[in-house]
Structure formats: C-alpha cells, structure tokens
Amino acid sequence: MKKAFLFPGQGSQYAGMALDCAKGAKEIFDKAGKIADIDLWQICADQEDTRINETRYCQISVFAASMAYFYHATENGTLPDAVAGHSLGEYAAMTAAGIISFEDACSIVNKRGIIMADHIAAGDDGVMCAIIGASSENVREVCSSVSGSGIVMPVNYNSPVQTVIAGEKQAVLAAAEKFKSMRYKAVMLAVSGAFHTPMMQGAADAFYEVCKNIKFTNPKTDFYSNLTGRKMTDFSNMPKYLSDHMVSPVLFADQIRAMQADGYDDFCEIGTSKILSGMVKKIIK
C-alpha cells in the first residue's frame, strides 16, 4: 500500500481551528507567528477572531495548521510515499517533502498572503464561483461563451463534477447565470480576488522576487504538481514555478488520477478539514 498525504488550501480555515489541532500545535503556531511577527495562536484559536478569513492572515494560518497535523502524524518517523497540496496547500506539501525548510516556508507563505492582500486592496475586482454538476468541458465552453463580458476562466479542477471559475466580477456573474439556466449549481466563494488567473500577475511578479533568495532542494518523497497534474521531476527553478502557480489553474483532479495510476491507493488529508477527502472520493474509486 502506497500512502499519499494531501494538504488543503485557503478555504479550509475556521475560527478556533487551532483548538482542534493535533498535539503540540501551539508550539508550531508560535514558531510560525514569530516568523510572521503576529500572534498566530490568538488569530487561530479565538473563536471570535474574524481575521482568520482575511487573506493576509489566512494563508499562514492554514499552513501552520497543516504542519501541526503533519508533525503529529509523522512523530514516529514514518513519512508518506508522496505528497500533494491544493493551491496554498502546495507549500505544506513542499515542506513535508523537504523541498523547503519550515522556517523559509513560513516566511514566504506569510509574504505571499501580504502580497496577495495588497494586490486585491489596490483594485482587483476579481471573484470566484464554484460550479457544481457540470463537466470541466462544459465549464470551459460556458466561460468561452461569455468571455465578451470580461475575464472568466476555470481555475480549480476539483473533481469531475466541481470546477471553480474566476475572473472579473461581471463576467463571472454572467457565467454563473448561464450555468443556473442550465440547471447547474453556481456558488459564489467568499474570497476577494481572482486567484489563479492572469489578474494576479502583479502579485506573482512581486512574489517571484521574494522566492529568489530561498533555498530549495529535491524532495525526499514523490511530489505531485498543481500546474501539470503529474509527478514533478524538475525543481531547478522553484521561484518561477511558484510565481506561475499563482496565475495558473489548479489541476487537482488530474493529480489524484496520476497518483492512482502510479500506484497510490491510500490518501490521507492532513489539515483541519475534509474538503480534499470529499474531492478524492468523487475523482477515483
């Protein structure tokens, strides 16, 4: 049996999530908070603290929670055979695989959240919407048909029956109405930007500069990529990869199919939610 660890991304957070985390979580949150220069435990443990849902704080919070679970799950020295993440979850996956140190990952994830929040505050009117029931091909066709209204494209290929679209608000709303007329479900997401679209290019360029001086190494376990939907083998230019990652679709369903084809048959979600577990059950048997 080959075991894969899956790490969730932004959207898996909730107020008070630190209190539900694994043993030793406070130490991990305190270490990450010290690097980010914020009281991360307060943000993640307080059930009344709404900052957990702000991009500025959410990304480092989700990363810390995932790593707390990872260190607890592997405290006996047993590592997974492969790792993968969903969007932001790739940073926990990279850390778990040994591609980047915990400290460097905390630093760049924190800066990623700040850069993206600043980019959005500067005037990005992007939105995201989950389309449920339609095939990925249907989603691409509808997005193309309303593209005259502005930028709109599939950005998260989550399962055969769920794809997230993103882009300019008017275009996304036009697409959502068309999906509803076709009797598919369209759910607007509580995010304030068009993540994984070219609209984030300014943030991606700034993030590339952050990553240029970080040390990356080859992984100790198999690492499956959002960008290609396959096992990643070239780690020679991670700053460019992570910059491209910010403006490119997440091919999560392809990743899971590729892992199954490579013999992985035991998938464990490492984090505060069961979001990815539900997706996996819809992608493969």
C-alpha atoms as a PDB file:
ATOM      1  CA  MET A   1       0.000   0.000   0.000  1.00  0.00           C
ATOM      2  CA  LYS A   2       1.394   3.391  -1.031  1.00  0.00           C
ATOM      3  CA  LYS A   3       0.364   6.325   1.137  1.00  0.00           C
ATOM      4  CA  ALA A   4      -0.126   9.918  -0.036  1.00  0.00           C
ATOM      5  CA  PHE A   5      -0.625  12.965   2.187  1.00  0.00           C
ATOM      6  CA  LEU A   6      -2.880  15.740   0.837  1.00  0.00           C
ATOM      7  CA  PHE A   7      -2.773  19.291   2.195  1.00  0.00           C
ATOM      8  CA  PRO A   8      -5.771  21.676   1.863  1.00  0.00           C
ATOM      9  CA  GLY A   9      -5.581  25.327   0.902  1.00  0.00           C
ATOM     10  CA  GLN A  10      -7.337  28.600   1.593  1.00  0.00           C
ATOM     11  CA  GLY A  11     -10.990  27.991   2.409  1.00  0.00           C
ATOM     12  CA  SER A  12     -10.315  25.159   4.870  1.00  0.00           C
ATOM     13  CA  GLN A  13      -9.854  27.593   7.766  1.00  0.00           C
ATOM     14  CA  TYR A  14     -12.385  28.365  10.501  1.00  0.00           C
ATOM     15  CA  ALA A  15     -12.384  30.458  13.657  1.00  0.00           C
ATOM     16  CA  GLY A  16     -10.999  28.481  16.575  1.00  0.00           C
ATOM     17  CA  MET A  17      -9.378  25.842  14.374  1.00  0.00           C
ATOM     18  CA  ALA A  18      -6.160  25.815  16.408  1.00  0.00           C
ATOM     19  CA  LEU A  19      -8.056  24.379  19.368  1.00  0.00           C
ATOM     20  CA  ASP A  20      -8.939  21.326  17.272  1.00  0.00           C
ATOM     21  CA  CYS A  21      -5.406  20.788  16.005  1.00  0.00           C
ATOM     22  CA  ALA A  22      -3.050  17.983  16.873  1.00  0.00           C
ATOM     23  CA  LYS A  23      -0.916  17.634  19.977  1.00  0.00           C
ATOM     24  CA  GLY A  24       1.913  20.140  20.048  1.00  0.00           C
ATOM     25  CA  ALA A  25       0.088  22.549  17.747  1.00  0.00           C
ATOM     26  CA  LYS A  26       0.674  25.644  19.876  1.00  0.00           C
ATOM     27  CA  GLU A  27       4.437  25.271  19.508  1.00  0.00           C
ATOM     28  CA  ILE A  28       4.071  25.187  15.710  1.00  0.00           C
ATOM     29  CA  PHE A  29       1.716  28.171  15.663  1.00  0.00           C
ATOM     30  CA  ASP A  30       4.044  30.128  17.950  1.00  0.00           C
ATOM     31  CA  LYS A  31       7.069  29.390  15.733  1.00  0.00           C
ATOM     32  CA  ALA A  32       5.189  30.431  12.597  1.00  0.00           C
ATOM     33  CA  GLY A  33       3.786  33.501  14.345  1.00  0.00           C
ATOM     34  CA  LYS A  34       7.230  34.607  15.463  1.00  0.00           C
ATOM     35  CA  ILE A  35       8.496  34.433  11.875  1.00  0.00           C
ATOM     36  CA  ALA A  36       5.415  36.304  10.616  1.00  0.00           C
ATOM     37  CA  ASP A  37       5.585  38.769  13.537  1.00  0.00           C
ATOM     38  CA  ILE A  38       1.953  38.172  14.539  1.00  0.00           C
ATOM     39  CA  ASP A  39       0.179  36.369  17.387  1.00  0.00           C
ATOM     40  CA  LEU A  40      -0.884  33.482  15.178  1.00  0.00           C
ATOM     41  CA  TRP A  41      -2.199  31.363  18.048  1.00  0.00           C
ATOM     42  CA  GLN A  42      -4.566  34.176  19.051  1.00  0.00           C
ATOM     43  CA  ILE A  43      -5.831  34.529  15.473  1.00  0.00           C
ATOM     44  CA  CYS A  44      -6.382  30.790  15.006  1.00  0.00           C
ATOM     45  CA  ALA A  45      -7.587  29.800  18.490  1.00  0.00           C
ATOM     46  CA  ASP A  46     -10.018  32.644  19.190  1.00  0.00           C
ATOM     47  CA  GLN A  47     -13.456  31.582  18.002  1.00  0.00           C
ATOM     48  CA  GLU A  48     -14.474  35.233  17.700  1.00  0.00           C
ATOM     49  CA  ASP A  49     -11.447  36.423  15.704  1.00  0.00           C
ATOM     50  CA  THR A  50     -12.561  37.096  12.126  1.00  0.00           C
ATOM     51  CA  ARG A  51      -9.037  37.786  10.877  1.00  0.00           C
ATOM     52  CA  ILE A  52      -8.711  34.065  10.141  1.00  0.00           C
ATOM     53  CA  ASN A  53     -10.719  34.672   6.943  1.00  0.00           C
ATOM     54  CA  GLU A  54      -8.560  37.543   5.680  1.00  0.00           C
ATOM     55  CA  THR A  55      -6.007  36.557   3.025  1.00  0.00           C
ATOM     56  CA  ARG A  56      -3.306  38.408   4.967  1.00  0.00           C
ATOM     57  CA  TYR A  57      -3.673  36.039   7.939  1.00  0.00           C
ATOM     58  CA  CYS A  58      -5.472  33.064   6.433  1.00  0.00           C
ATOM     59  CA  GLN A  59      -2.604  31.678   4.387  1.00  0.00           C
ATOM     60  CA  ILE A  60      -0.035  31.455   7.184  1.00  0.00           C
ATOM     61  CA  SER A  61      -2.780  30.110   9.480  1.00  0.00           C
ATOM     62  CA  VAL A  62      -3.755  27.247   7.174  1.00  0.00           C
ATOM     63  CA  PHE A  63      -0.089  26.428   6.575  1.00  0.00           C
ATOM     64  CA  ALA A  64       0.667  26.281  10.313  1.00  0.00           C
ATOM     65  CA  ALA A  65      -2.355  24.082  10.998  1.00  0.00           C
ATOM     66  CA  SER A  66      -1.379  21.641   8.248  1.00  0.00           C
ATOM     67  CA  MET A  67       2.177  21.426   9.540  1.00  0.00           C
ATOM     68  CA  ALA A  68       0.965  20.831  13.099  1.00  0.00           C
ATOM     69  CA  TYR A  69      -1.026  17.835  11.857  1.00  0.00           C
ATOM     70  CA  PHE A  70       1.877  16.661   9.686  1.00  0.00           C
ATOM     71  CA  TYR A  71       4.413  16.660  12.517  1.00  0.00           C
ATOM     72  CA  HIS A  72       1.930  14.840  14.751  1.00  0.00           C
ATOM     73  CA  ALA A  73       1.189  12.233  12.066  1.00  0.00           C
ATOM     74  CA  THR A  74       4.879  11.545  11.463  1.00  0.00           C
ATOM     75  CA  GLU A  75       6.214  11.801  15.015  1.00  0.00           C
ATOM     76  CA  ASN A  76       7.230   8.115  14.893  1.00  0.00           C
ATOM     77  CA  GLY A  77       9.449   8.847  11.881  1.00  0.00           C
ATOM     78  CA  THR A  78       7.149   7.344   9.253  1.00  0.00           C
ATOM     79  CA  LEU A  79       6.789   9.565   6.174  1.00  0.00           C
ATOM     80  CA  PRO A  80       4.295   9.300   3.317  1.00  0.00           C
ATOM     81  CA  ASP A  81       5.386   7.964  -0.051  1.00  0.00           C
ATOM     82  CA  ALA A  82       4.004  11.041  -1.818  1.00  0.00           C
ATOM     83  CA  VAL A  83       2.582  14.472  -1.057  1.00  0.00           C
ATOM     84  CA  ALA A  84       0.318  16.900  -2.855  1.00  0.00           C
ATOM     85  CA  GLY A  85      -1.490  20.094  -1.966  1.00  0.00           C
ATOM     86  CA  HIS A  86      -4.396  22.116  -3.250  1.00  0.00           C
ATOM     87  CA  SER A  87      -3.327  25.672  -4.172  1.00  0.00           C
ATOM     88  CA  LEU A  88      -1.897  27.111  -0.927  1.00  0.00           C
ATOM     89  CA  GLY A  89      -1.626  23.518   0.294  1.00  0.00           C
ATOM     90  CA  GLU A  90       1.364  23.005  -2.002  1.00  0.00           C
ATOM     91  CA  TYR A  91       3.511  24.937   0.491  1.00  0.00           C
ATOM     92  CA  ALA A  92       2.764  22.447   3.267  1.00  0.00           C
ATOM     93  CA  ALA A  93       3.362  19.638   0.769  1.00  0.00           C
ATOM     94  CA  MET A  94       6.723  21.138  -0.236  1.00  0.00           C
ATOM     95  CA  THR A  95       7.727  21.430   3.416  1.00  0.00           C
ATOM     96  CA  ALA A  96       6.623  17.876   4.170  1.00  0.00           C
ATOM     97  CA  ALA A  97       8.672  16.641   1.193  1.00  0.00           C
ATOM     98  CA  GLY A  98      11.780  18.519   2.313  1.00  0.00           C
ATOM     99  CA  ILE A  99      11.842  20.856  -0.692  1.00  0.00           C
ATOM    100  CA  ILE A 100      11.882  23.887   1.616  1.00  0.00           C
ATOM    101  CA  SER A 101      12.558  24.331   5.329  1.00  0.00           C
ATOM    102  CA  PHE A 102       9.713  25.039   7.740  1.00  0.00           C
ATOM    103  CA  GLU A 103      11.200  28.433   8.561  1.00  0.00           C
ATOM    104  CA  ASP A 104      11.586  29.507   4.920  1.00  0.00           C
ATOM    105  CA  ALA A 105       8.113  28.209   4.114  1.00  0.00           C
ATOM    106  CA  CYS A 106       6.631  30.264   6.969  1.00  0.00           C
ATOM    107  CA  SER A 107       8.418  33.332   5.650  1.00  0.00           C
ATOM    108  CA  ILE A 108       7.287  33.052   2.037  1.00  0.00           C
ATOM    109  CA  VAL A 109       3.734  31.922   2.853  1.00  0.00           C
ATOM    110  CA  ASN A 110       3.366  34.932   5.135  1.00  0.00           C
ATOM    111  CA  LYS A 111       4.702  37.261   2.442  1.00  0.00           C
ATOM    112  CA  ARG A 112       2.503  35.568  -0.167  1.00  0.00           C
ATOM    113  CA  GLY A 113      -0.577  36.392   1.888  1.00  0.00           C
ATOM    114  CA  ILE A 114       0.522  40.008   2.339  1.00  0.00           C
ATOM    115  CA  ILE A 115       1.334  40.460  -1.355  1.00  0.00           C
ATOM    116  CA  MET A 116      -1.972  38.986  -2.479  1.00  0.00           C
ATOM    117  CA  ALA A 117      -3.948  41.038   0.054  1.00  0.00           C
ATOM    118  CA  ASP A 118      -2.187  44.227  -1.037  1.00  0.00           C
ATOM    119  CA  HIS A 119      -2.806  43.398  -4.696  1.00  0.00           C
ATOM    120  CA  ILE A 120      -6.504  42.918  -4.034  1.00  0.00           C
ATOM    121  CA  ALA A 121      -6.724  46.117  -1.990  1.00  0.00           C
ATOM    122  CA  ALA A 122      -5.139  48.043  -4.861  1.00  0.00           C
ATOM    123  CA  GLY A 123      -8.207  47.483  -7.027  1.00  0.00           C
ATOM    124  CA  ASP A 124      -8.548  43.841  -8.114  1.00  0.00           C
ATOM    125  CA  ASP A 125     -12.313  43.337  -8.560  1.00  0.00           C
ATOM    126  CA  GLY A 126     -11.966  39.618  -9.168  1.00  0.00           C
ATOM    127  CA  VAL A 127     -14.318  36.977  -7.766  1.00  0.00           C
ATOM    128  CA  MET A 128     -14.557  33.184  -7.729  1.00  0.00           C
ATOM    129  CA  CYS A 129     -17.519  30.848  -8.133  1.00  0.00           C
ATOM    130  CA  ALA A 130     -17.851  27.071  -7.707  1.00  0.00           C
ATOM    131  CA  ILE A 131     -19.775  25.313 -10.478  1.00  0.00           C
ATOM    132  CA  ILE A 132     -21.319  22.044  -9.302  1.00  0.00           C
ATOM    133  CA  GLY A 133     -22.676  19.344 -11.585  1.00  0.00           C
ATOM    134  CA  ALA A 134     -21.138  20.466 -14.867  1.00  0.00           C
ATOM    135  CA  SER A 135     -18.238  18.668 -16.531  1.00  0.00           C
ATOM    136  CA  SER A 136     -14.949  20.532 -16.927  1.00  0.00           C
ATOM    137  CA  GLU A 137     -15.575  20.639 -20.673  1.00  0.00           C
ATOM    138  CA  ASN A 138     -18.968  22.291 -20.097  1.00  0.00           C
ATOM    139  CA  VAL A 139     -17.344  24.822 -17.797  1.00  0.00           C
ATOM    140  CA  ARG A 140     -14.720  25.757 -20.363  1.00  0.00           C
ATOM    141  CA  GLU A 141     -17.396  26.143 -23.063  1.00  0.00           C
ATOM    142  CA  VAL A 142     -19.585  28.418 -20.942  1.00  0.00           C
ATOM    143  CA  CYS A 143     -16.632  30.575 -19.868  1.00  0.00           C
ATOM    144  CA  SER A 144     -15.642  30.965 -23.515  1.00  0.00           C
ATOM    145  CA  SER A 145     -19.209  31.887 -24.480  1.00  0.00           C
ATOM    146  CA  VAL A 146     -19.380  34.813 -22.015  1.00  0.00           C
ATOM    147  CA  SER A 147     -15.784  35.996 -22.412  1.00  0.00           C
ATOM    148  CA  GLY A 148     -17.048  39.131 -24.133  1.00  0.00           C
ATOM    149  CA  SER A 149     -18.129  40.307 -20.676  1.00  0.00           C
ATOM    150  CA  GLY A 150     -14.544  40.186 -19.409  1.00  0.00           C
ATOM    151  CA  ILE A 151     -12.010  37.720 -18.000  1.00  0.00           C
ATOM    152  CA  VAL A 152     -13.521  34.446 -16.766  1.00  0.00           C
ATOM    153  CA  MET A 153     -11.864  31.035 -16.748  1.00  0.00           C
ATOM    154  CA  PRO A 154     -11.748  27.681 -14.915  1.00  0.00           C
ATOM    155  CA  VAL A 155      -9.133  27.850 -12.171  1.00  0.00           C
ATOM    156  CA  ASN A 156      -9.687  24.873  -9.846  1.00  0.00           C
ATOM    157  CA  TYR A 157     -10.406  21.493 -11.435  1.00  0.00           C
ATOM    158  CA  ASN A 158     -11.528  19.917  -8.172  1.00  0.00           C
ATOM    159  CA  SER A 159     -13.458  16.858  -9.351  1.00  0.00           C
ATOM    160  CA  PRO A 160     -15.431  15.602 -12.352  1.00  0.00           C
ATOM    161  CA  VAL A 161     -18.470  17.477 -11.006  1.00  0.00           C
ATOM    162  CA  GLN A 162     -16.922  20.562  -9.426  1.00  0.00           C
ATOM    163  CA  THR A 163     -14.873  23.269 -11.109  1.00  0.00           C
ATOM    164  CA  VAL A 164     -14.195  26.732  -9.721  1.00  0.00           C
ATOM    165  CA  ILE A 165     -14.192  29.659 -12.135  1.00  0.00           C
ATOM    166  CA  ALA A 166     -12.676  33.080 -11.530  1.00  0.00           C
ATOM    167  CA  GLY A 167     -12.185  36.419 -13.203  1.00  0.00           C
ATOM    168  CA  GLU A 168     -13.735  39.849 -13.452  1.00  0.00           C
ATOM    169  CA  LYS A 169     -16.951  40.157 -11.459  1.00  0.00           C
ATOM    170  CA  GLN A 170     -19.272  40.980 -14.371  1.00  0.00           C
ATOM    171  CA  ALA A 171     -18.013  38.060 -16.455  1.00  0.00           C
ATOM    172  CA  VAL A 172     -18.145  35.562 -13.591  1.00  0.00           C
ATOM    173  CA  LEU A 173     -21.701  36.604 -12.720  1.00  0.00           C
ATOM    174  CA  ALA A 174     -22.697  36.231 -16.382  1.00  0.00           C
ATOM    175  CA  ALA A 175     -21.238  32.726 -16.428  1.00  0.00           C
ATOM    176  CA  ALA A 176     -22.943  31.849 -13.135  1.00  0.00           C
ATOM    177  CA  GLU A 177     -26.337  32.879 -14.514  1.00  0.00           C
ATOM    178  CA  LYS A 178     -25.798  30.776 -17.619  1.00  0.00           C
ATOM    179  CA  PHE A 179     -24.885  27.739 -15.517  1.00  0.00           C
ATOM    180  CA  LYS A 180     -28.017  28.231 -13.415  1.00  0.00           C
ATOM    181  CA  SER A 181     -30.124  28.395 -16.577  1.00  0.00           C
ATOM    182  CA  MET A 182     -28.606  25.014 -17.487  1.00  0.00           C
ATOM    183  CA  ARG A 183     -29.706  23.694 -14.064  1.00  0.00           C
ATOM    184  CA  TYR A 184     -26.215  23.537 -12.610  1.00  0.00           C
ATOM    185  CA  LYS A 185     -25.396  24.970  -9.198  1.00  0.00           C
ATOM    186  CA  ALA A 186     -23.230  28.115  -9.025  1.00  0.00           C
ATOM    187  CA  VAL A 187     -21.949  29.173  -5.593  1.00  0.00           C
ATOM    188  CA  MET A 188     -20.024  32.419  -5.162  1.00  0.00           C
ATOM    189  CA  LEU A 189     -16.983  31.942  -2.915  1.00  0.00           C
ATOM    190  CA  ALA A 190     -16.079  34.181  -0.001  1.00  0.00           C
ATOM    191  CA  VAL A 191     -12.784  35.379  -1.482  1.00  0.00           C
ATOM    192  CA  SER A 192     -11.838  38.847  -2.612  1.00  0.00           C
ATOM    193  CA  GLY A 193      -9.722  38.140  -5.681  1.00  0.00           C
ATOM    194  CA  ALA A 194      -9.489  36.124  -8.894  1.00  0.00           C
ATOM    195  CA  PHE A 195      -6.904  33.651  -7.629  1.00  0.00           C
ATOM    196  CA  HIS A 196      -5.053  31.516 -10.194  1.00  0.00           C
ATOM    197  CA  THR A 197      -5.871  33.859 -13.087  1.00  0.00           C
ATOM    198  CA  PRO A 198      -3.686  36.326 -15.017  1.00  0.00           C
ATOM    199  CA  MET A 199      -5.357  39.058 -12.958  1.00  0.00           C
ATOM    200  CA  MET A 200      -2.900  38.111 -10.180  1.00  0.00           C
ATOM    201  CA  GLN A 201       0.179  38.655 -12.381  1.00  0.00           C
ATOM    202  CA  GLY A 202       1.334  41.740 -10.473  1.00  0.00           C
ATOM    203  CA  ALA A 203       1.270  39.781  -7.223  1.00  0.00           C
ATOM    204  CA  ALA A 204       3.025  36.853  -8.908  1.00  0.00           C
ATOM    205  CA  ASP A 205       5.835  39.107 -10.124  1.00  0.00           C
ATOM    206  CA  ALA A 206       6.332  40.520  -6.620  1.00  0.00           C
ATOM    207  CA  PHE A 207       6.286  37.030  -5.120  1.00  0.00           C
ATOM    208  CA  TYR A 208       8.947  35.844  -7.560  1.00  0.00           C
ATOM    209  CA  GLU A 209      11.321  38.427  -6.054  1.00  0.00           C
ATOM    210  CA  VAL A 210      10.568  37.039  -2.577  1.00  0.00           C
ATOM    211  CA  CYS A 211      11.362  33.474  -3.616  1.00  0.00           C
ATOM    212  CA  LYS A 212      14.594  34.230  -5.495  1.00  0.00           C
ATOM    213  CA  ASN A 213      16.766  34.047  -2.372  1.00  0.00           C
ATOM    214  CA  ILE A 214      15.146  30.975  -0.827  1.00  0.00           C
ATOM    215  CA  LYS A 215      16.952  27.628  -0.826  1.00  0.00           C
ATOM    216  CA  PHE A 216      15.015  24.797  -2.470  1.00  0.00           C
ATOM    217  CA  THR A 217      16.142  21.169  -2.709  1.00  0.00           C
ATOM    218  CA  ASN A 218      14.914  17.995  -4.384  1.00  0.00           C
ATOM    219  CA  PRO A 219      12.127  16.218  -2.465  1.00  0.00           C
ATOM    220  CA  LYS A 220      12.546  13.192  -0.228  1.00  0.00           C
ATOM    221  CA  THR A 221       9.183  11.821  -1.372  1.00  0.00           C
ATOM    222  CA  ASP A 222       7.194  11.992  -4.603  1.00  0.00           C
ATOM    223  CA  PHE A 223       5.665  15.448  -5.133  1.00  0.00           C
ATOM    224  CA  TYR A 224       2.645  15.957  -7.389  1.00  0.00           C
ATOM    225  CA  SER A 225       2.122  19.353  -9.013  1.00  0.00           C
ATOM    226  CA  ASN A 226      -0.947  21.578  -9.329  1.00  0.00           C
ATOM    227  CA  LEU A 227       0.459  23.053 -12.532  1.00  0.00           C
ATOM    228  CA  THR A 228       0.967  19.849 -14.502  1.00  0.00           C
ATOM    229  CA  GLY A 229      -1.344  17.438 -12.702  1.00  0.00           C
ATOM    230  CA  ARG A 230       1.531  14.947 -12.594  1.00  0.00           C
ATOM    231  CA  LYS A 231       4.548  13.980 -10.507  1.00  0.00           C
ATOM    232  CA  MET A 232       7.044  16.819 -10.594  1.00  0.00           C
ATOM    233  CA  THR A 233      10.631  15.959 -11.511  1.00  0.00           C
ATOM    234  CA  ASP A 234      12.309  19.314 -12.202  1.00  0.00           C
ATOM    235  CA  PHE A 235      12.924  21.503  -9.150  1.00  0.00           C
ATOM    236  CA  SER A 236      15.627  23.668 -10.681  1.00  0.00           C
ATOM    237  CA  ASN A 237      13.612  26.902 -10.844  1.00  0.00           C
ATOM    238  CA  MET A 238      11.175  26.938  -7.946  1.00  0.00           C
ATOM    239  CA  PRO A 239      10.801  30.757  -7.803  1.00  0.00           C
ATOM    240  CA  LYS A 240       9.377  30.708 -11.347  1.00  0.00           C
ATOM    241  CA  TYR A 241       7.257  27.663 -10.557  1.00  0.00           C
ATOM    242  CA  LEU A 242       5.720  29.361  -7.508  1.00  0.00           C
ATOM    243  CA  SER A 243       5.166  32.586  -9.430  1.00  0.00           C
ATOM    244  CA  ASP A 244       3.456  30.685 -12.268  1.00  0.00           C
ATOM    245  CA  HIS A 245       1.469  28.738  -9.689  1.00  0.00           C
ATOM    246  CA  MET A 246      -0.208  31.957  -8.557  1.00  0.00           C
ATOM    247  CA  VAL A 247      -1.648  32.685 -12.026  1.00  0.00           C
ATOM    248  CA  SER A 248      -2.308  29.150 -13.318  1.00  0.00           C
ATOM    249  CA  PRO A 249      -5.215  26.710 -12.842  1.00  0.00           C
ATOM    250  CA  VAL A 250      -5.033  24.040 -10.130  1.00  0.00           C
ATOM    251  CA  LEU A 251      -5.250  20.613 -11.794  1.00  0.00           C
ATOM    252  CA  PHE A 252      -6.182  18.750  -8.633  1.00  0.00           C
ATOM    253  CA  ALA A 253      -8.336  16.072 -10.262  1.00  0.00           C
ATOM    254  CA  ASP A 254      -5.531  15.234 -12.706  1.00  0.00           C
ATOM    255  CA  GLN A 255      -3.087  14.984  -9.786  1.00  0.00           C
ATOM    256  CA  ILE A 256      -5.208  12.418  -7.999  1.00  0.00           C
ATOM    257  CA  ARG A 257      -5.715  10.345 -11.154  1.00  0.00           C
ATOM    258  CA  ALA A 258      -1.953  10.434 -11.789  1.00  0.00           C
ATOM    259  CA  MET A 259      -1.246   9.308  -8.235  1.00  0.00           C
ATOM    260  CA  GLN A 260      -3.670   6.423  -8.574  1.00  0.00           C
ATOM    261  CA  ALA A 261      -2.070   5.434 -11.896  1.00  0.00           C
ATOM    262  CA  ASP A 262       1.318   5.463 -10.131  1.00  0.00           C
ATOM    263  CA  GLY A 263       0.068   3.011  -7.516  1.00  0.00           C
ATOM    264  CA  TYR A 264      -1.085   5.277  -4.699  1.00  0.00           C
ATOM    265  CA  ASP A 265      -4.146   3.819  -3.032  1.00  0.00           C
ATOM    266  CA  ASP A 266      -4.165   5.355   0.467  1.00  0.00           C
ATOM    267  CA  PHE A 267      -4.944   9.088   0.665  1.00  0.00           C
ATOM    268  CA  CYS A 268      -4.798  10.997   3.956  1.00  0.00           C
ATOM    269  CA  GLU A 269      -5.889  14.633   4.282  1.00  0.00           C
ATOM    270  CA  ILE A 270      -3.511  16.472   6.604  1.00  0.00           C
ATOM    271  CA  GLY A 271      -5.265  19.571   7.929  1.00  0.00           C
ATOM    272  CA  THR A 272      -8.339  20.976   9.576  1.00  0.00           C
ATOM    273  CA  SER A 273     -10.961  19.865   7.061  1.00  0.00           C
ATOM    274  CA  LYS A 274     -12.316  17.005   4.961  1.00  0.00           C
ATOM    275  CA  ILE A 275     -12.561  19.094   1.790  1.00  0.00           C
ATOM    276  CA  LEU A 276      -9.952  17.200  -0.213  1.00  0.00           C
ATOM    277  CA  SER A 277     -11.161  13.837   1.072  1.00  0.00           C
ATOM    278  CA  GLY A 278     -14.567  14.567  -0.426  1.00  0.00           C
ATOM    279  CA  MET A 279     -12.992  15.559  -3.744  1.00  0.00           C
ATOM    280  CA  VAL A 280     -10.887  12.392  -3.906  1.00  0.00           C
ATOM    281  CA  LYS A 281     -13.984  10.222  -3.418  1.00  0.00           C
ATOM    282  CA  LYS A 282     -15.535  11.881  -6.480  1.00  0.00           C
ATOM    283  CA  ILE A 283     -12.375  11.566  -8.610  1.00  0.00           C
ATOM    284  CA  ILE A 284     -11.432   7.925  -8.062  1.00  0.00           C
ATOM    285  CA  LYS A 285     -12.891   4.787  -6.540  1.00  0.00           C
END
